[in-house]
């Protein structure tokens, strides 16, 4: 069977903010994967076109894949 997965690189930047310790992501409408546990150092990302579309990014994933854009 042919592999269905491919590797893709993002073309732009992602708007993010720091996760605030203790904040209830579900009350804020922020998506959280069942495999993630919010922690200090984690981030909340949002869709730049639809600010209501937000999701949690785990600290380890963020540290591995993102860096701050300095303008």
PDB file of N, CA and C in Angstrom:
ATOM      1  N   UNK A   1       0.845  -1.192   0.000  1.00  0.00           N
ATOM      2  CA  UNK A   1       0.000   0.000   0.000  1.00  0.00           C
ATOM      3  C   UNK A   1       0.886   1.249   0.000  1.00  0.00           C
ATOM      4  N   UNK A   2       0.497   2.202  -0.749  1.00  0.00           N
ATOM      5  CA  UNK A   2       1.241   3.453  -0.867  1.00  0.00           C
ATOM      6  C   UNK A   2       1.144   4.249   0.442  1.00  0.00           C
ATOM      7  N   UNK A   3       2.262   4.875   0.848  1.00  0.00           N
ATOM      8  CA  UNK A   3       2.285   5.692   2.063  1.00  0.00           C
ATOM      9  C   UNK A   3       1.389   6.914   1.872  1.00  0.00           C
ATOM     10  N   UNK A   4       0.493   7.160   2.815  1.00  0.00           N
ATOM     11  CA  UNK A   4      -0.439   8.279   2.728  1.00  0.00           C
ATOM     12  C   UNK A   4       0.106   9.562   3.352  1.00  0.00           C
ATOM     13  N   UNK A   5       1.230   9.457   4.048  1.00  0.00           N
ATOM     14  CA  UNK A   5       1.778  10.601   4.766  1.00  0.00           C
ATOM     15  C   UNK A   5       2.920  11.238   3.984  1.00  0.00           C
ATOM     16  N   UNK A   6       2.998  12.563   4.057  1.00  0.00           N
ATOM     17  CA  UNK A   6       4.087  13.304   3.444  1.00  0.00           C
ATOM     18  C   UNK A   6       4.613  14.335   4.437  1.00  0.00           C
ATOM     19  N   UNK A   7       5.747  14.923   4.145  1.00  0.00           N
ATOM     20  CA  UNK A   7       6.325  15.960   4.997  1.00  0.00           C
ATOM     21  C   UNK A   7       6.066  17.319   4.361  1.00  0.00           C
ATOM     22  N   UNK A   8       5.584  18.252   5.177  1.00  0.00           N
ATOM     23  CA  UNK A   8       5.252  19.588   4.698  1.00  0.00           C
ATOM     24  C   UNK A   8       5.902  20.638   5.581  1.00  0.00           C
ATOM     25  N   UNK A   9       6.354  21.718   4.981  1.00  0.00           N
ATOM     26  CA  UNK A   9       6.938  22.842   5.701  1.00  0.00           C
ATOM     27  C   UNK A   9       5.944  23.993   5.659  1.00  0.00           C
ATOM     28  N   UNK A  10       5.790  24.683   6.770  1.00  0.00           N
ATOM     29  CA  UNK A  10       4.880  25.828   6.824  1.00  0.00           C
ATOM     30  C   UNK A  10       5.457  26.997   6.028  1.00  0.00           C
ATOM     31  N   UNK A  11       4.576  27.737   5.382  1.00  0.00           N
ATOM     32  CA  UNK A  11       4.992  28.870   4.563  1.00  0.00           C
ATOM     33  C   UNK A  11       5.034  30.176   5.346  1.00  0.00           C
ATOM     34  N   UNK A  12       4.331  30.242   6.455  1.00  0.00           N
ATOM     35  CA  UNK A  12       4.213  31.508   7.167  1.00  0.00           C
ATOM     36  C   UNK A  12       4.566  31.377   8.628  1.00  0.00           C
ATOM     37  N   UNK A  13       4.037  32.294   9.405  1.00  0.00           N
ATOM     38  CA  UNK A  13       4.267  32.306  10.844  1.00  0.00           C
ATOM     39  C   UNK A  13       2.967  31.949  11.558  1.00  0.00           C
ATOM     40  N   UNK A  14       3.075  31.562  12.813  1.00  0.00           N
ATOM     41  CA  UNK A  14       1.919  31.216  13.619  1.00  0.00           C
ATOM     42  C   UNK A  14       1.833  32.184  14.792  1.00  0.00           C
ATOM     43  N   UNK A  15       0.651  32.767  14.994  1.00  0.00           N
ATOM     44  CA  UNK A  15       0.446  33.645  16.141  1.00  0.00           C
ATOM     45  C   UNK A  15       0.265  32.786  17.388  1.00  0.00           C
ATOM     46  N   UNK A  16       1.032  33.082  18.436  1.00  0.00           N
ATOM     47  CA  UNK A  16       0.964  32.299  19.672  1.00  0.00           C
ATOM     48  C   UNK A  16       1.107  33.203  20.884  1.00  0.00           C
ATOM     49  N   UNK A  17       0.638  32.683  22.012  1.00  0.00           N
ATOM     50  CA  UNK A  17       0.849  33.338  23.294  1.00  0.00           C
ATOM     51  C   UNK A  17       1.184  32.258  24.310  1.00  0.00           C
ATOM     52  N   UNK A  18       1.775  32.645  25.403  1.00  0.00           N
ATOM     53  CA  UNK A  18       2.107  31.698  26.460  1.00  0.00           C
ATOM     54  C   UNK A  18       0.832  31.178  27.132  1.00  0.00           C
ATOM     55  N   UNK A  19       0.839  29.899  27.475  1.00  0.00           N
ATOM     56  CA  UNK A  19      -0.224  29.312  28.293  1.00  0.00           C
ATOM     57  C   UNK A  19      -0.076  29.876  29.698  1.00  0.00           C
ATOM     58  N   UNK A  20      -1.187  30.279  30.310  1.00  0.00           N
ATOM     59  CA  UNK A  20      -1.194  30.805  31.669  1.00  0.00           C
ATOM     60  C   UNK A  20      -1.525  29.650  32.606  1.00  0.00           C
ATOM     61  N   UNK A  21      -0.626  29.359  33.539  1.00  0.00           N
ATOM     62  CA  UNK A  21      -0.795  28.237  34.457  1.00  0.00           C
ATOM     63  C   UNK A  21      -2.169  28.285  35.125  1.00  0.00           C
ATOM     64  N   UNK A  22      -2.905  27.191  35.017  1.00  0.00           N
ATOM     65  CA  UNK A  22      -4.204  27.068  35.656  1.00  0.00           C
ATOM     66  C   UNK A  22      -5.389  27.527  34.821  1.00  0.00           C
ATOM     67  N   UNK A  23      -5.165  28.150  33.669  1.00  0.00           N
ATOM     68  CA  UNK A  23      -6.314  28.609  32.886  1.00  0.00           C
ATOM     69  C   UNK A  23      -7.064  27.409  32.311  1.00  0.00           C
ATOM     70  N   UNK A  24      -8.369  27.509  32.264  1.00  0.00           N
ATOM     71  CA  UNK A  24      -9.225  26.422  31.777  1.00  0.00           C
ATOM     72  C   UNK A  24      -9.418  26.593  30.272  1.00  0.00           C
ATOM     73  N   UNK A  25      -8.658  25.831  29.501  1.00  0.00           N
ATOM     74  CA  UNK A  25      -8.690  25.973  28.042  1.00  0.00           C
ATOM     75  C   UNK A  25     -10.065  25.665  27.464  1.00  0.00           C
ATOM     76  N   UNK A  26     -10.768  24.698  28.065  1.00  0.00           N
ATOM     77  CA  UNK A  26     -12.089  24.327  27.533  1.00  0.00           C
ATOM     78  C   UNK A  26     -13.079  25.477  27.661  1.00  0.00           C
ATOM     79  N   UNK A  27     -13.000  26.245  28.741  1.00  0.00           N
ATOM     80  CA  UNK A  27     -13.894  27.399  28.904  1.00  0.00           C
ATOM     81  C   UNK A  27     -13.590  28.500  27.904  1.00  0.00           C
ATOM     82  N   UNK A  28     -12.348  28.548  27.438  1.00  0.00           N
ATOM     83  CA  UNK A  28     -11.934  29.566  26.472  1.00  0.00           C
ATOM     84  C   UNK A  28     -12.109  29.105  25.026  1.00  0.00           C
ATOM     85  N   UNK A  29     -12.553  27.860  24.834  1.00  0.00           N
ATOM     86  CA  UNK A  29     -12.748  27.337  23.482  1.00  0.00           C
ATOM     87  C   UNK A  29     -11.459  26.951  22.789  1.00  0.00           C
ATOM     88  N   UNK A  30     -10.417  26.673  23.564  1.00  0.00           N
ATOM     89  CA  UNK A  30      -9.107  26.311  23.003  1.00  0.00           C
ATOM     90  C   UNK A  30      -9.008  24.795  22.922  1.00  0.00           C
ATOM     91  N   UNK A  31      -8.734  24.274  21.740  1.00  0.00           N
ATOM     92  CA  UNK A  31      -8.634  22.829  21.520  1.00  0.00           C
ATOM     93  C   UNK A  31      -7.425  22.267  22.236  1.00  0.00           C
ATOM     94  N   UNK A  32      -7.614  21.086  22.827  1.00  0.00           N
ATOM     95  CA  UNK A  32      -6.546  20.410  23.548  1.00  0.00           C
ATOM     96  C   UNK A  32      -6.575  18.940  23.170  1.00  0.00           C
ATOM     97  N   UNK A  33      -5.460  18.443  22.654  1.00  0.00           N
ATOM     98  CA  UNK A  33      -5.358  17.031  22.302  1.00  0.00           C
ATOM     99  C   UNK A  33      -5.484  16.173  23.553  1.00  0.00           C
ATOM    100  N   UNK A  34      -6.087  15.005  23.414  1.00  0.00           N
ATOM    101  CA  UNK A  34      -6.222  14.084  24.545  1.00  0.00           C
ATOM    102  C   UNK A  34      -4.869  13.646  25.090  1.00  0.00           C
ATOM    103  N   UNK A  35      -3.820  13.738  24.282  1.00  0.00           N
ATOM    104  CA  UNK A  35      -2.488  13.306  24.710  1.00  0.00           C
ATOM    105  C   UNK A  35      -1.707  14.421  25.404  1.00  0.00           C
ATOM    106  N   UNK A  36      -2.228  15.642  25.414  1.00  0.00           N
ATOM    107  CA  UNK A  36      -1.521  16.777  26.016  1.00  0.00           C
ATOM    108  C   UNK A  36      -2.061  17.118  27.400  1.00  0.00           C
ATOM    109  N   UNK A  37      -1.167  17.598  28.246  1.00  0.00           N
ATOM    110  CA  UNK A  37      -1.517  18.165  29.540  1.00  0.00           C
ATOM    111  C   UNK A  37      -0.915  19.557  29.578  1.00  0.00           C
ATOM    112  N   UNK A  38      -1.735  20.590  29.693  1.00  0.00           N
ATOM    113  CA  UNK A  38      -1.192  21.947  29.699  1.00  0.00           C
ATOM    114  C   UNK A  38      -0.150  22.127  30.803  1.00  0.00           C
ATOM    115  N   UNK A  39       0.930  22.826  30.459  1.00  0.00           N
ATOM    116  CA  UNK A  39       2.009  23.068  31.410  1.00  0.00           C
ATOM    117  C   UNK A  39       2.656  24.409  31.119  1.00  0.00           C
ATOM    118  N   UNK A  40       3.347  24.939  32.122  1.00  0.00           N
ATOM    119  CA  UNK A  40       4.093  26.178  31.930  1.00  0.00           C
ATOM    120  C   UNK A  40       5.110  25.941  30.815  1.00  0.00           C
ATOM    121  N   UNK A  41       5.185  26.874  29.893  1.00  0.00           N
ATOM    122  CA  UNK A  41       6.069  26.742  28.733  1.00  0.00           C
ATOM    123  C   UNK A  41       5.311  26.315  27.492  1.00  0.00           C
ATOM    124  N   UNK A  42       4.075  25.797  27.687  1.00  0.00           N
ATOM    125  CA  UNK A  42       3.218  25.485  26.555  1.00  0.00           C
ATOM    126  C   UNK A  42       2.690  26.779  25.952  1.00  0.00           C
ATOM    127  N   UNK A  43       2.148  26.682  24.763  1.00  0.00           N
ATOM    128  CA  UNK A  43       1.674  27.865  24.054  1.00  0.00           C
ATOM    129  C   UNK A  43       0.249  27.659  23.567  1.00  0.00           C
ATOM    130  N   UNK A  44      -0.447  28.761  23.334  1.00  0.00           N
ATOM    131  CA  UNK A  44      -1.752  28.748  22.693  1.00  0.00           C
ATOM    132  C   UNK A  44      -1.580  29.424  21.340  1.00  0.00           C
ATOM    133  N   UNK A  45      -1.921  28.701  20.286  1.00  0.00           N
ATOM    134  CA  UNK A  45      -1.806  29.228  18.924  1.00  0.00           C
ATOM    135  C   UNK A  45      -3.187  29.628  18.425  1.00  0.00           C
ATOM    136  N   UNK A  46      -3.222  30.526  17.463  1.00  0.00           N
ATOM    137  CA  UNK A  46      -4.509  30.908  16.873  1.00  0.00           C
ATOM    138  C   UNK A  46      -4.362  31.079  15.366  1.00  0.00           C
ATOM    139  N   UNK A  47      -5.455  30.856  14.700  1.00  0.00           N
ATOM    140  CA  UNK A  47      -5.561  31.055  13.269  1.00  0.00           C
ATOM    141  C   UNK A  47      -5.566  32.562  13.017  1.00  0.00           C
ATOM    142  N   UNK A  48      -4.658  33.088  12.201  1.00  0.00           N
ATOM    143  CA  UNK A  48      -4.610  34.535  11.981  1.00  0.00           C
ATOM    144  C   UNK A  48      -5.835  35.085  11.244  1.00  0.00           C
ATOM    145  N   UNK A  49      -6.568  34.234  10.561  1.00  0.00           N
ATOM    146  CA  UNK A  49      -7.767  34.658   9.839  1.00  0.00           C
ATOM    147  C   UNK A  49      -9.011  34.554  10.720  1.00  0.00           C
ATOM    148  N   UNK A  50      -9.035  33.579  11.626  1.00  0.00           N
ATOM    149  CA  UNK A  50     -10.168  33.366  12.522  1.00  0.00           C
ATOM    150  C   UNK A  50      -9.634  33.223  13.948  1.00  0.00           C
ATOM    151  N   UNK A  51      -9.609  34.307  14.698  1.00  0.00           N
ATOM    152  CA  UNK A  51      -9.033  34.305  16.043  1.00  0.00           C
ATOM    153  C   UNK A  51      -9.788  33.410  17.026  1.00  0.00           C
ATOM    154  N   UNK A  52     -10.974  32.974  16.676  1.00  0.00           N
ATOM    155  CA  UNK A  52     -11.716  32.040  17.539  1.00  0.00           C
ATOM    156  C   UNK A  52     -11.196  30.612  17.411  1.00  0.00           C
ATOM    157  N   UNK A  53     -10.421  30.333  16.388  1.00  0.00           N
ATOM    158  CA  UNK A  53      -9.831  29.012  16.157  1.00  0.00           C
ATOM    159  C   UNK A  53      -8.480  28.970  16.866  1.00  0.00           C
ATOM    160  N   UNK A  54      -8.469  28.377  18.075  1.00  0.00           N
ATOM    161  CA  UNK A  54      -7.258  28.346  18.895  1.00  0.00           C
ATOM    162  C   UNK A  54      -6.980  26.927  19.365  1.00  0.00           C
ATOM    163  N   UNK A  55      -5.697  26.603  19.583  1.00  0.00           N
ATOM    164  CA  UNK A  55      -5.316  25.272  20.030  1.00  0.00           C
ATOM    165  C   UNK A  55      -4.065  25.356  20.894  1.00  0.00           C
ATOM    166  N   UNK A  56      -3.924  24.365  21.759  1.00  0.00           N
ATOM    167  CA  UNK A  56      -2.775  24.289  22.655  1.00  0.00           C
ATOM    168  C   UNK A  56      -1.622  23.592  21.950  1.00  0.00           C
ATOM    169  N   UNK A  57      -0.409  24.105  22.156  1.00  0.00           N
ATOM    170  CA  UNK A  57       0.816  23.511  21.608  1.00  0.00           C
ATOM    171  C   UNK A  57       1.697  23.129  22.800  1.00  0.00           C
ATOM    172  N   UNK A  58       2.003  21.842  22.909  1.00  0.00           N
ATOM    173  CA  UNK A  58       2.793  21.344  24.034  1.00  0.00           C
ATOM    174  C   UNK A  58       4.190  21.969  24.042  1.00  0.00           C
ATOM    175  N   UNK A  59       4.738  22.170  25.235  1.00  0.00           N
ATOM    176  CA  UNK A  59       6.046  22.783  25.414  1.00  0.00           C
ATOM    177  C   UNK A  59       7.132  22.076  24.605  1.00  0.00           C
ATOM    178  N   UNK A  60       7.197  20.769  24.693  1.00  0.00           N
ATOM    179  CA  UNK A  60       8.255  20.026  23.991  1.00  0.00           C
ATOM    180  C   UNK A  60       8.145  20.220  22.474  1.00  0.00           C
ATOM    181  N   UNK A  61       6.927  20.151  21.934  1.00  0.00           N
ATOM    182  CA  UNK A  61       6.729  20.353  20.500  1.00  0.00           C
ATOM    183  C   UNK A  61       7.101  21.787  20.112  1.00  0.00           C
ATOM    184  N   UNK A  62       6.656  22.749  20.919  1.00  0.00           N
ATOM    185  CA  UNK A  62       6.975  24.148  20.647  1.00  0.00           C
ATOM    186  C   UNK A  62       8.489  24.370  20.638  1.00  0.00           C
ATOM    187  N   UNK A  63       9.161  23.880  21.673  1.00  0.00           N
ATOM    188  CA  UNK A  63      10.608  24.068  21.786  1.00  0.00           C
ATOM    189  C   UNK A  63      11.365  23.449  20.609  1.00  0.00           C
ATOM    190  N   UNK A  64      10.862  22.352  20.084  1.00  0.00           N
ATOM    191  CA  UNK A  64      11.517  21.661  18.974  1.00  0.00           C
ATOM    192  C   UNK A  64      11.267  22.329  17.623  1.00  0.00           C
ATOM    193  N   UNK A  65      10.070  22.889  17.431  1.00  0.00           N
ATOM    194  CA  UNK A  65       9.658  23.307  16.090  1.00  0.00           C
ATOM    195  C   UNK A  65       9.478  24.807  15.865  1.00  0.00           C
ATOM    196  N   UNK A  66       9.519  25.606  16.923  1.00  0.00           N
ATOM    197  CA  UNK A  66       9.239  27.044  16.755  1.00  0.00           C
ATOM    198  C   UNK A  66      10.328  27.897  17.365  1.00  0.00           C
ATOM    199  N   UNK A  67      10.445  29.111  16.840  1.00  0.00           N
ATOM    200  CA  UNK A  67      11.293  30.133  17.425  1.00  0.00           C
ATOM    201  C   UNK A  67      10.607  31.472  17.218  1.00  0.00           C
ATOM    202  N   UNK A  68      10.886  32.421  18.098  1.00  0.00           N
ATOM    203  CA  UNK A  68      10.273  33.738  18.030  1.00  0.00           C
ATOM    204  C   UNK A  68      10.749  34.488  16.800  1.00  0.00           C
ATOM    205  N   UNK A  69       9.808  35.133  16.105  1.00  0.00           N
ATOM    206  CA  UNK A  69      10.145  35.993  14.975  1.00  0.00           C
ATOM    207  C   UNK A  69      10.491  37.368  15.539  1.00  0.00           C
ATOM    208  N   UNK A  70      11.698  37.831  15.278  1.00  0.00           N
ATOM    209  CA  UNK A  70      12.136  39.141  15.751  1.00  0.00           C
ATOM    210  C   UNK A  70      12.006  40.122  14.613  1.00  0.00           C
ATOM    211  N   UNK A  71      11.265  41.187  14.853  1.00  0.00           N
ATOM    212  CA  UNK A  71      11.042  42.189  13.792  1.00  0.00           C
ATOM    213  C   UNK A  71      11.889  43.408  14.036  1.00  0.00           C
TER     214      UNK A  71
END
